[in-house]
Amino acid sequence: LISLAILLGVFCSSDLLVFYILFESSLIPLFLMIGIWGSREEKVKAAFYFFFYTLLGSLLMLLSIFKIYLLT
């Protein structure tokens, strides 16, 4: 339910900074869901990949948002 509320805020946000904060907030419940379901070996590997892929994507998104704010 928390994940749904945060994702609704992501899609309804009208500011890039609010979008980024809510998008990052939505990753916490998703990470917990990955850690709960699945077999032991698969969920640890999946959580590891999820963390690093979202970290890379989030850093690139943050740099892009800063670049857009500097240009406008």
Foldseek 3Di string as FASTA:
>chain_A
DVLVVLVVQLVPDPDLVSNLVSVVVSVVVVLVVLVPDDDDVVSVVVSVVSVVVVVVVSVVSVVVSVVVVVVD
